[in-house]
């Protein structure tokens, strides 16, 4: 049986993130922008008393802003600003569909309902958070 993943939008992209890598899904919180941040970092937000970087997943995957409908906190740390949450599905990329050229953030590309589905690599996302926080 395929692993359960959260299916959501990031900009115009359809994405999947394994449920096991998600700590919490919440409504967006206020964000304080930071001058000089990479284009994919919206700024910082205070989540449960801790200031954490907020990454715009649409900007990270392409060059389009995400209308932040939800935040996802991940086990890797940091917050992902995402669009609409479409649900939880048992999905798995087909063998041989790895996507190493996408900066390590996308592990593979599949298809869901005739639309490309980006399988996010939680380790790649955590590296982007760590690179910014360093």
C-alpha atoms as a PDB file:
ATOM      1  CA  UNK A   1       0.000   0.000   0.000  1.00  0.00           C
ATOM      2  CA  UNK A   2       1.337   3.472  -0.836  1.00  0.00           C
ATOM      3  CA  UNK A   3       2.394   5.767   1.983  1.00  0.00           C
ATOM      4  CA  UNK A   4      -0.066   8.425   3.081  1.00  0.00           C
ATOM      5  CA  UNK A   5       0.831  11.940   2.002  1.00  0.00           C
ATOM      6  CA  UNK A   6      -0.718  15.351   2.372  1.00  0.00           C
ATOM      7  CA  UNK A   7      -1.698  16.651  -1.074  1.00  0.00           C
ATOM      8  CA  UNK A   8      -1.694  20.425  -1.473  1.00  0.00           C
ATOM      9  CA  UNK A   9      -0.993  23.338  -3.773  1.00  0.00           C
ATOM     10  CA  UNK A  10       2.105  25.520  -3.751  1.00  0.00           C
ATOM     11  CA  UNK A  11       1.610  28.281  -6.267  1.00  0.00           C
ATOM     12  CA  UNK A  12       0.411  26.410  -9.345  1.00  0.00           C
ATOM     13  CA  UNK A  13       2.154  23.173  -8.372  1.00  0.00           C
ATOM     14  CA  UNK A  14       0.478  20.080  -6.944  1.00  0.00           C
ATOM     15  CA  UNK A  15       2.622  18.613  -4.141  1.00  0.00           C
ATOM     16  CA  UNK A  16       2.785  15.594  -1.838  1.00  0.00           C
ATOM     17  CA  UNK A  17       4.536  15.476   1.539  1.00  0.00           C
ATOM     18  CA  UNK A  18       4.565  12.283   3.652  1.00  0.00           C
ATOM     19  CA  UNK A  19       2.369  12.583   6.736  1.00  0.00           C
ATOM     20  CA  UNK A  20       5.179  11.178   8.862  1.00  0.00           C
ATOM     21  CA  UNK A  21       7.241  14.313   8.199  1.00  0.00           C
ATOM     22  CA  UNK A  22       4.509  16.761   9.196  1.00  0.00           C
ATOM     23  CA  UNK A  23       4.199  18.035  12.758  1.00  0.00           C
ATOM     24  CA  UNK A  24       1.258  20.385  12.336  1.00  0.00           C
ATOM     25  CA  UNK A  25      -0.961  22.064   9.761  1.00  0.00           C
ATOM     26  CA  UNK A  26      -2.300  25.457  10.817  1.00  0.00           C
ATOM     27  CA  UNK A  27      -3.783  28.686   9.580  1.00  0.00           C
ATOM     28  CA  UNK A  28      -1.135  31.195   8.511  1.00  0.00           C
ATOM     29  CA  UNK A  29       0.346  33.368  11.239  1.00  0.00           C
ATOM     30  CA  UNK A  30       1.743  36.893  10.877  1.00  0.00           C
ATOM     31  CA  UNK A  31       5.076  36.997   9.056  1.00  0.00           C
ATOM     32  CA  UNK A  32       7.824  39.554   9.651  1.00  0.00           C
ATOM     33  CA  UNK A  33       9.770  40.046   6.403  1.00  0.00           C
ATOM     34  CA  UNK A  34      13.551  40.119   6.551  1.00  0.00           C
ATOM     35  CA  UNK A  35      15.562  42.293   4.185  1.00  0.00           C
ATOM     36  CA  UNK A  36      18.227  40.394   2.296  1.00  0.00           C
ATOM     37  CA  UNK A  37      16.513  37.008   2.627  1.00  0.00           C
ATOM     38  CA  UNK A  38      16.531  34.574  -0.297  1.00  0.00           C
ATOM     39  CA  UNK A  39      13.486  35.031  -2.552  1.00  0.00           C
ATOM     40  CA  UNK A  40      11.845  31.850  -1.220  1.00  0.00           C
ATOM     41  CA  UNK A  41      11.978  33.028   2.434  1.00  0.00           C
ATOM     42  CA  UNK A  42       8.963  35.162   3.291  1.00  0.00           C
ATOM     43  CA  UNK A  43      10.390  36.057   6.703  1.00  0.00           C
ATOM     44  CA  UNK A  44       9.919  34.735  10.218  1.00  0.00           C
ATOM     45  CA  UNK A  45       6.852  33.840  12.189  1.00  0.00           C
ATOM     46  CA  UNK A  46       6.404  32.950  15.853  1.00  0.00           C
ATOM     47  CA  UNK A  47       5.063  29.404  16.123  1.00  0.00           C
ATOM     48  CA  UNK A  48       4.408  28.074  19.615  1.00  0.00           C
ATOM     49  CA  UNK A  49       6.727  30.708  21.096  1.00  0.00           C
ATOM     50  CA  UNK A  50       9.642  30.096  18.708  1.00  0.00           C
ATOM     51  CA  UNK A  51      10.679  32.338  15.786  1.00  0.00           C
ATOM     52  CA  UNK A  52      11.012  30.153  12.691  1.00  0.00           C
ATOM     53  CA  UNK A  53      11.727  30.901   9.023  1.00  0.00           C
ATOM     54  CA  UNK A  54       8.737  30.702   6.670  1.00  0.00           C
ATOM     55  CA  UNK A  55       9.542  29.287   3.235  1.00  0.00           C
ATOM     56  CA  UNK A  56       7.199  29.968   0.328  1.00  0.00           C
ATOM     57  CA  UNK A  57       7.088  26.595  -1.368  1.00  0.00           C
ATOM     58  CA  UNK A  58       5.804  28.094  -4.645  1.00  0.00           C
ATOM     59  CA  UNK A  59       8.847  30.363  -4.831  1.00  0.00           C
ATOM     60  CA  UNK A  60      11.126  27.467  -3.930  1.00  0.00           C
ATOM     61  CA  UNK A  61       9.734  25.155  -6.617  1.00  0.00           C
ATOM     62  CA  UNK A  62       9.205  27.733  -9.327  1.00  0.00           C
ATOM     63  CA  UNK A  63       8.965  31.442  -9.498  1.00  0.00           C
ATOM     64  CA  UNK A  64       5.447  32.069  -8.314  1.00  0.00           C
ATOM     65  CA  UNK A  65       4.066  33.245  -5.005  1.00  0.00           C
ATOM     66  CA  UNK A  66       1.879  30.981  -2.942  1.00  0.00           C
ATOM     67  CA  UNK A  67      -1.347  32.454  -1.633  1.00  0.00           C
ATOM     68  CA  UNK A  68      -0.713  31.111   1.878  1.00  0.00           C
ATOM     69  CA  UNK A  69      -3.846  29.341   3.018  1.00  0.00           C
ATOM     70  CA  UNK A  70      -2.018  27.119   5.494  1.00  0.00           C
ATOM     71  CA  UNK A  71       1.335  26.669   7.199  1.00  0.00           C
ATOM     72  CA  UNK A  72       2.944  23.266   7.598  1.00  0.00           C
ATOM     73  CA  UNK A  73       5.489  22.756  10.336  1.00  0.00           C
ATOM     74  CA  UNK A  74       7.811  19.872   9.591  1.00  0.00           C
ATOM     75  CA  UNK A  75       9.976  17.625  11.726  1.00  0.00           C
ATOM     76  CA  UNK A  76      12.944  19.181   9.934  1.00  0.00           C
ATOM     77  CA  UNK A  77      12.108  22.603  11.386  1.00  0.00           C
ATOM     78  CA  UNK A  78      10.851  25.724   9.739  1.00  0.00           C
ATOM     79  CA  UNK A  79       7.456  26.415   8.254  1.00  0.00           C
ATOM     80  CA  UNK A  80       6.225  25.926   4.709  1.00  0.00           C
ATOM     81  CA  UNK A  81       3.651  28.401   3.397  1.00  0.00           C
ATOM     82  CA  UNK A  82       1.297  26.412   1.179  1.00  0.00           C
ATOM     83  CA  UNK A  83      -1.916  26.989  -0.735  1.00  0.00           C
ATOM     84  CA  UNK A  84      -5.040  24.853  -0.594  1.00  0.00           C
ATOM     85  CA  UNK A  85      -4.915  21.512   1.182  1.00  0.00           C
ATOM     86  CA  UNK A  86      -6.603  18.947  -1.060  1.00  0.00           C
ATOM     87  CA  UNK A  87      -6.545  15.995   1.326  1.00  0.00           C
ATOM     88  CA  UNK A  88      -4.627  12.891   2.298  1.00  0.00           C
ATOM     89  CA  UNK A  89      -3.972  10.185  -0.268  1.00  0.00           C
ATOM     90  CA  UNK A  90      -1.994   7.031  -0.563  1.00  0.00           C
ATOM     91  CA  UNK A  91       0.375   7.970  -3.366  1.00  0.00           C
ATOM     92  CA  UNK A  92       3.741   6.760  -4.531  1.00  0.00           C
ATOM     93  CA  UNK A  93       5.927   7.845  -7.456  1.00  0.00           C
ATOM     94  CA  UNK A  94       6.514   5.337 -10.204  1.00  0.00           C
ATOM     95  CA  UNK A  95       9.911   3.658 -10.188  1.00  0.00           C
ATOM     96  CA  UNK A  96      12.468   5.552 -12.221  1.00  0.00           C
ATOM     97  CA  UNK A  97      10.744   8.923 -11.870  1.00  0.00           C
ATOM     98  CA  UNK A  98      13.311  10.505  -9.568  1.00  0.00           C
ATOM     99  CA  UNK A  99      13.965  14.201 -10.059  1.00  0.00           C
ATOM    100  CA  UNK A 100      17.561  14.890  -8.956  1.00  0.00           C
ATOM    101  CA  UNK A 101      17.837  18.031 -11.072  1.00  0.00           C
ATOM    102  CA  UNK A 102      15.277  19.965  -9.003  1.00  0.00           C
ATOM    103  CA  UNK A 103      17.651  21.054  -6.257  1.00  0.00           C
ATOM    104  CA  UNK A 104      16.958  18.167  -3.913  1.00  0.00           C
ATOM    105  CA  UNK A 105      13.588  19.599  -2.818  1.00  0.00           C
ATOM    106  CA  UNK A 106      11.585  17.373  -5.170  1.00  0.00           C
ATOM    107  CA  UNK A 107      12.388  13.677  -4.826  1.00  0.00           C
ATOM    108  CA  UNK A 108      10.241  12.514  -7.729  1.00  0.00           C
ATOM    109  CA  UNK A 109       7.533  13.614 -10.121  1.00  0.00           C
ATOM    110  CA  UNK A 110       4.363  11.615 -10.580  1.00  0.00           C
ATOM    111  CA  UNK A 111       0.873  12.176 -11.914  1.00  0.00           C
ATOM    112  CA  UNK A 112      -2.357  12.623  -9.984  1.00  0.00           C
ATOM    113  CA  UNK A 113      -5.619  13.144 -11.861  1.00  0.00           C
ATOM    114  CA  UNK A 114      -3.756  14.025 -15.085  1.00  0.00           C
ATOM    115  CA  UNK A 115      -1.667  16.697 -13.324  1.00  0.00           C
ATOM    116  CA  UNK A 116       2.041  16.588 -12.413  1.00  0.00           C
ATOM    117  CA  UNK A 117       2.550  15.767  -8.725  1.00  0.00           C
ATOM    118  CA  UNK A 118       5.763  16.873  -7.002  1.00  0.00           C
ATOM    119  CA  UNK A 119       6.842  14.406  -4.320  1.00  0.00           C
ATOM    120  CA  UNK A 120       8.741  16.582  -1.870  1.00  0.00           C
ATOM    121  CA  UNK A 121      11.928  15.347  -0.235  1.00  0.00           C
ATOM    122  CA  UNK A 122      11.655  16.262   3.466  1.00  0.00           C
ATOM    123  CA  UNK A 123      15.464  16.136   3.722  1.00  0.00           C
ATOM    124  CA  UNK A 124      15.807  18.597   0.836  1.00  0.00           C
ATOM    125  CA  UNK A 125      13.328  20.952   2.457  1.00  0.00           C
ATOM    126  CA  UNK A 126      15.216  20.734   5.769  1.00  0.00           C
ATOM    127  CA  UNK A 127      18.486  21.542   3.953  1.00  0.00           C
ATOM    128  CA  UNK A 128      16.884  24.706   2.540  1.00  0.00           C
ATOM    129  CA  UNK A 129      15.748  25.721   6.054  1.00  0.00           C
ATOM    130  CA  UNK A 130      19.177  24.927   7.499  1.00  0.00           C
ATOM    131  CA  UNK A 131      20.985  26.803   4.717  1.00  0.00           C
ATOM    132  CA  UNK A 132      18.943  29.890   5.474  1.00  0.00           C
ATOM    133  CA  UNK A 133      19.236  29.595   9.255  1.00  0.00           C
ATOM    134  CA  UNK A 134      23.019  29.112   9.097  1.00  0.00           C
END
